Amino acid sequence: MATYQQGANGAFSGKAGSVVGSNWRSIGYLRGLARFKSKSNSPKQAAQRMRFGMGVSFLQPMKSLLRIGFNDRVRGRNTGFNQGLRHFVSNAVAGEYPDLEIDYSQVALSKGAQEKLIGLTLASDAPNTLTLAWANLHDPNSETSFPDDVVTVLLYNKTEDLFTTNRSASRQSEGLQLELPPAFSGHEFHVWVFTQHREGFEVSTSQYAGTVVLA
């Protein structure tokens, strides 16, 4: 942008060729017109944009959970949602553009120093029931993990595109049975878990328990 002195015909205002003139507080200004790129996105850019859109759409319903899992209080402006989205775009999208799909096993809900659950299994052996089980092999010398750590479970009903969270179990519970609505029978579920310290300041890195069709 440049200033100019008024000529014999006064201040210039408006568009002339590739410049625009304006006047503010008796000072004349000239600026060039913005140049717009007509070049379309490359396949690589289009693929990255698609990955980003998939991540935002999938992670948005679990935004509050990501705040806990990636501990916003510690990470400051780099929010839990942004951490989860960055991991998703880099790791949780499979396939070649434009045929991209979510790799659910690579979705991350949390990252931390607590011990993971050992021997984690997922099954649906009874009608409308999901069963999670794990071993209580807690290290008594651990300074970050304890028997009463809360186990957070996230269920994703892929058939209905619905999320459900449960926080009723602890590490020492060694398992959890969840009764779901009969209408969900035959639906495909993906399940993730992570543990959280009883006072909330430490978590484990999330684990993908697997996928199961509800009996």
Protein backbone atom coordinates (compact mmCIF):
# COMPACT_ATOMS: atom_id res chain seq x y z
CA MET A 1 0.00 0.00 0.00
CA ALA A 2 1.26 3.50 -0.81
CA THR A 3 0.20 7.11 -0.09
CA TYR A 4 0.01 9.77 -2.78
CA GLN A 5 -0.37 13.55 -3.11
CA GLN A 6 -3.57 14.95 -4.59
CA GLY A 7 -3.31 16.28 -8.11
CA ALA A 8 -5.08 19.18 -9.76
CA ASN A 9 -8.32 17.23 -9.93
CA GLY A 10 -8.36 16.27 -6.25
CA ALA A 11 -8.15 12.90 -4.53
CA PHE A 12 -8.45 9.69 -6.55
CA SER A 13 -11.00 7.17 -5.34
CA GLY A 14 -12.04 3.95 -6.99
CA LYS A 15 -10.51 1.31 -9.23
CA ALA A 16 -8.08 1.97 -12.07
CA GLY A 17 -6.51 -1.04 -13.72
CA SER A 18 -4.80 -3.15 -11.08
CA VAL A 19 -4.95 -0.54 -8.28
CA VAL A 20 -7.65 0.82 -5.98
CA GLY A 21 -7.58 4.36 -4.55
CA SER A 22 -9.14 5.44 -1.28
CA ASN A 23 -9.03 8.35 1.15
CA TRP A 24 -8.84 8.26 4.94
CA ARG A 25 -8.43 11.38 7.13
CA SER A 26 -7.41 13.45 4.12
CA ILE A 27 -4.63 10.98 3.22
CA GLY A 28 -4.77 9.27 -0.15
CA TYR A 29 -3.92 5.56 -0.41
CA LEU A 30 -3.28 3.22 -3.31
CA ARG A 31 -3.26 -0.55 -3.04
CA GLY A 32 -3.01 -3.37 -5.53
CA LEU A 33 -5.90 -5.71 -6.19
CA ALA A 34 -5.72 -9.13 -4.59
CA ARG A 35 -4.53 -11.84 -6.93
CA PHE A 36 -6.46 -15.08 -6.86
CA LYS A 37 -4.93 -18.41 -7.74
CA SER A 38 -6.92 -20.32 -10.32
CA LYS A 39 -4.85 -23.48 -9.90
CA SER A 40 -6.87 -26.37 -8.48
CA ASN A 41 -5.72 -28.48 -5.54
CA SER A 42 -3.32 -31.30 -6.23
CA PRO A 43 -4.47 -34.87 -5.44
CA LYS A 44 -2.21 -34.80 -2.37
CA GLN A 45 -3.84 -31.60 -1.08
CA ALA A 46 -7.32 -32.95 -1.79
CA ALA A 47 -6.51 -36.17 0.09
CA GLN A 48 -5.22 -34.22 3.09
CA ARG A 49 -8.34 -32.08 3.13
CA MET A 50 -10.50 -35.20 3.01
CA ARG A 51 -8.55 -36.78 5.91
CA PHE A 52 -9.00 -33.61 7.94
CA GLY A 53 -12.74 -33.51 7.25
CA MET A 54 -13.14 -37.16 8.21
CA GLY A 55 -11.28 -36.51 11.47
CA VAL A 56 -13.34 -33.47 12.45
CA SER A 57 -16.61 -35.27 11.68
CA PHE A 58 -15.69 -38.44 13.60
CA LEU A 59 -14.02 -36.85 16.63
CA GLN A 60 -16.43 -33.95 17.24
CA PRO A 61 -18.92 -36.03 19.31
CA MET A 62 -16.11 -37.14 21.65
CA LYS A 63 -14.59 -33.68 22.11
CA SER A 64 -15.12 -33.60 25.89
CA LEU A 65 -13.51 -37.05 26.22
CA LEU A 66 -10.45 -35.91 24.26
CA ARG A 67 -10.04 -32.98 26.65
CA ILE A 68 -9.62 -35.52 29.45
CA GLY A 69 -7.59 -38.01 27.46
CA PHE A 70 -5.02 -35.51 26.24
CA ASN A 71 -5.20 -33.35 29.40
CA ASP A 72 -5.94 -29.82 28.20
CA ARG A 73 -4.73 -28.36 31.50
CA VAL A 74 -1.19 -29.54 30.77
CA ARG A 75 -1.10 -28.94 27.02
CA GLY A 76 -2.45 -25.39 27.06
CA ARG A 77 -3.52 -24.10 23.66
CA ASN A 78 -2.75 -27.42 21.99
CA THR A 79 -6.15 -28.79 22.99
CA GLY A 80 -7.11 -32.42 23.41
CA PHE A 81 -9.30 -32.21 20.32
CA ASN A 82 -6.40 -30.87 18.26
CA GLN A 83 -4.11 -33.61 19.59
CA GLY A 84 -6.65 -36.29 18.73
CA LEU A 85 -7.26 -34.77 15.29
CA ARG A 86 -3.56 -34.59 14.50
CA HIS A 87 -3.13 -38.26 15.41
CA PHE A 88 -6.23 -39.21 13.41
CA VAL A 89 -5.10 -37.47 10.22
CA SER A 90 -1.60 -38.98 10.45
CA ASN A 91 -2.49 -42.52 11.56
CA ALA A 92 -6.18 -43.42 11.45
CA VAL A 93 -7.04 -43.05 7.75
CA ALA A 94 -6.49 -45.98 5.39
CA GLY A 95 -6.82 -46.41 1.63
CA GLU A 96 -6.00 -44.31 -1.41
CA TYR A 97 -7.74 -41.04 -2.25
CA PRO A 98 -10.63 -40.74 -2.92
CA ASP A 99 -11.45 -44.17 -1.41
CA LEU A 100 -10.37 -43.33 2.14
CA GLU A 101 -11.78 -45.02 5.25
CA ILE A 102 -11.25 -44.91 9.01
CA ASP A 103 -8.83 -47.39 10.58
CA TYR A 104 -10.60 -47.63 13.93
CA SER A 105 -7.72 -49.54 15.53
CA GLN A 106 -5.52 -46.45 15.15
CA VAL A 107 -7.91 -43.88 16.65
CA ALA A 108 -6.45 -42.40 19.86
CA LEU A 109 -8.54 -41.06 22.74
CA SER A 110 -5.77 -40.43 25.25
CA LYS A 111 -2.05 -40.39 25.85
CA GLY A 112 -0.43 -40.79 29.25
CA ALA A 113 1.92 -42.61 31.60
CA GLN A 114 -0.55 -44.82 33.47
CA GLU A 115 -0.36 -48.57 32.97
CA LYS A 116 -2.59 -49.95 30.23
CA LEU A 117 -5.11 -52.70 30.98
CA ILE A 118 -3.57 -56.17 30.58
CA GLY A 119 -5.30 -59.01 28.74
CA LEU A 120 -8.12 -56.82 27.42
CA THR A 121 -10.89 -58.77 25.65
CA LEU A 122 -14.25 -57.88 24.11
CA ALA A 123 -17.22 -60.19 23.47
CA SER A 124 -20.99 -60.30 23.02
CA ASP A 125 -22.09 -63.75 24.18
CA ALA A 126 -25.46 -62.85 25.70
CA PRO A 127 -28.33 -60.99 24.00
CA ASN A 128 -27.91 -57.20 23.96
CA THR A 129 -24.79 -57.42 26.14
CA LEU A 130 -21.19 -56.35 25.58
CA THR A 131 -18.57 -57.82 27.92
CA LEU A 132 -15.12 -56.36 28.54
CA ALA A 133 -12.56 -58.21 30.65
CA TRP A 134 -8.99 -57.55 31.77
CA ALA A 135 -6.51 -58.82 34.37
CA ASN A 136 -5.77 -56.84 37.52
CA LEU A 137 -1.99 -57.09 37.24
CA HIS A 138 -1.28 -53.77 38.84
CA ASP A 139 2.31 -52.97 39.78
CA PRO A 140 2.23 -52.08 43.51
CA ASN A 141 5.36 -49.98 43.07
CA SER A 142 3.82 -47.80 40.36
CA GLU A 143 3.72 -44.09 41.15
CA THR A 144 1.12 -43.29 38.48
CA SER A 145 -1.33 -46.24 38.44
CA PHE A 146 -3.61 -47.53 41.21
CA PRO A 147 -6.26 -50.28 41.68
CA ASP A 148 -9.08 -47.72 41.88
CA ASP A 149 -8.18 -45.96 38.62
CA VAL A 150 -11.37 -45.27 36.65
CA VAL A 151 -11.79 -47.21 33.40
CA THR A 152 -13.35 -45.06 30.69
CA VAL A 153 -15.08 -47.02 27.91
CA LEU A 154 -16.16 -45.52 24.58
CA LEU A 155 -18.61 -47.48 22.42
CA TYR A 156 -19.19 -46.51 18.81
CA ASN A 157 -22.26 -47.99 17.16
CA LYS A 158 -21.12 -47.85 13.54
CA THR A 159 -24.51 -48.99 12.25
CA GLU A 160 -26.29 -46.00 13.81
CA ASP A 161 -23.27 -43.65 14.01
CA LEU A 162 -23.79 -43.24 17.77
CA PHE A 163 -21.30 -42.86 20.65
CA THR A 164 -21.80 -44.03 24.25
CA THR A 165 -19.45 -43.52 27.20
CA ASN A 166 -19.27 -45.55 30.41
CA ARG A 167 -17.13 -44.82 33.49
CA SER A 168 -18.59 -47.27 36.04
CA ALA A 169 -15.64 -49.71 36.30
CA SER A 170 -12.22 -49.48 37.92
CA ARG A 171 -8.92 -51.19 37.19
CA GLN A 172 -9.50 -53.68 40.02
CA SER A 173 -12.98 -54.59 38.68
CA GLU A 174 -11.35 -56.86 36.09
CA GLY A 175 -14.28 -56.39 33.74
CA LEU A 176 -17.54 -54.76 32.80
CA GLN A 177 -20.88 -55.90 31.35
CA LEU A 178 -22.93 -53.38 29.41
CA GLU A 179 -26.59 -53.99 28.59
CA LEU A 180 -27.64 -52.17 25.43
CA PRO A 181 -31.08 -51.54 23.88
CA PRO A 182 -32.56 -54.58 22.08
CA ALA A 183 -32.91 -52.39 18.98
CA PHE A 184 -29.10 -52.48 18.68
CA SER A 185 -28.99 -56.26 18.23
CA GLY A 186 -26.97 -57.11 15.12
CA HIS A 187 -25.26 -53.72 15.09
CA GLU A 188 -21.50 -53.37 14.71
CA PHE A 189 -19.66 -51.78 17.65
CA HIS A 190 -16.10 -50.48 17.99
CA VAL A 191 -14.76 -50.11 21.54
CA TRP A 192 -11.87 -48.16 23.11
CA VAL A 193 -10.76 -47.88 26.74
CA PHE A 194 -8.34 -45.88 28.85
CA THR A 195 -7.73 -45.51 32.58
CA GLN A 196 -7.72 -42.32 34.62
CA HIS A 197 -6.31 -41.55 38.08
CA ARG A 198 -8.97 -41.14 40.77
CA GLU A 199 -8.03 -37.46 41.08
CA GLY A 200 -8.09 -36.99 37.33
CA PHE A 201 -4.58 -35.75 36.65
CA GLU A 202 -3.09 -38.81 34.89
CA VAL A 203 -4.35 -41.20 32.21
CA SER A 204 -3.17 -44.20 30.22
CA THR A 205 -2.72 -44.27 26.47
CA SER A 206 -6.00 -45.49 25.01
CA GLN A 207 -6.44 -49.06 23.80
CA TYR A 208 -8.63 -50.35 20.99
CA ALA A 209 -10.57 -53.28 22.45
CA GLY A 210 -11.80 -54.35 19.04
CA THR A 211 -15.05 -54.65 17.12
CA VAL A 212 -18.01 -56.91 17.79
CA VAL A 213 -21.54 -57.47 16.51
CA LEU A 214 -24.06 -57.20 19.34
CA ALA A 215 -25.85 -60.50 19.98
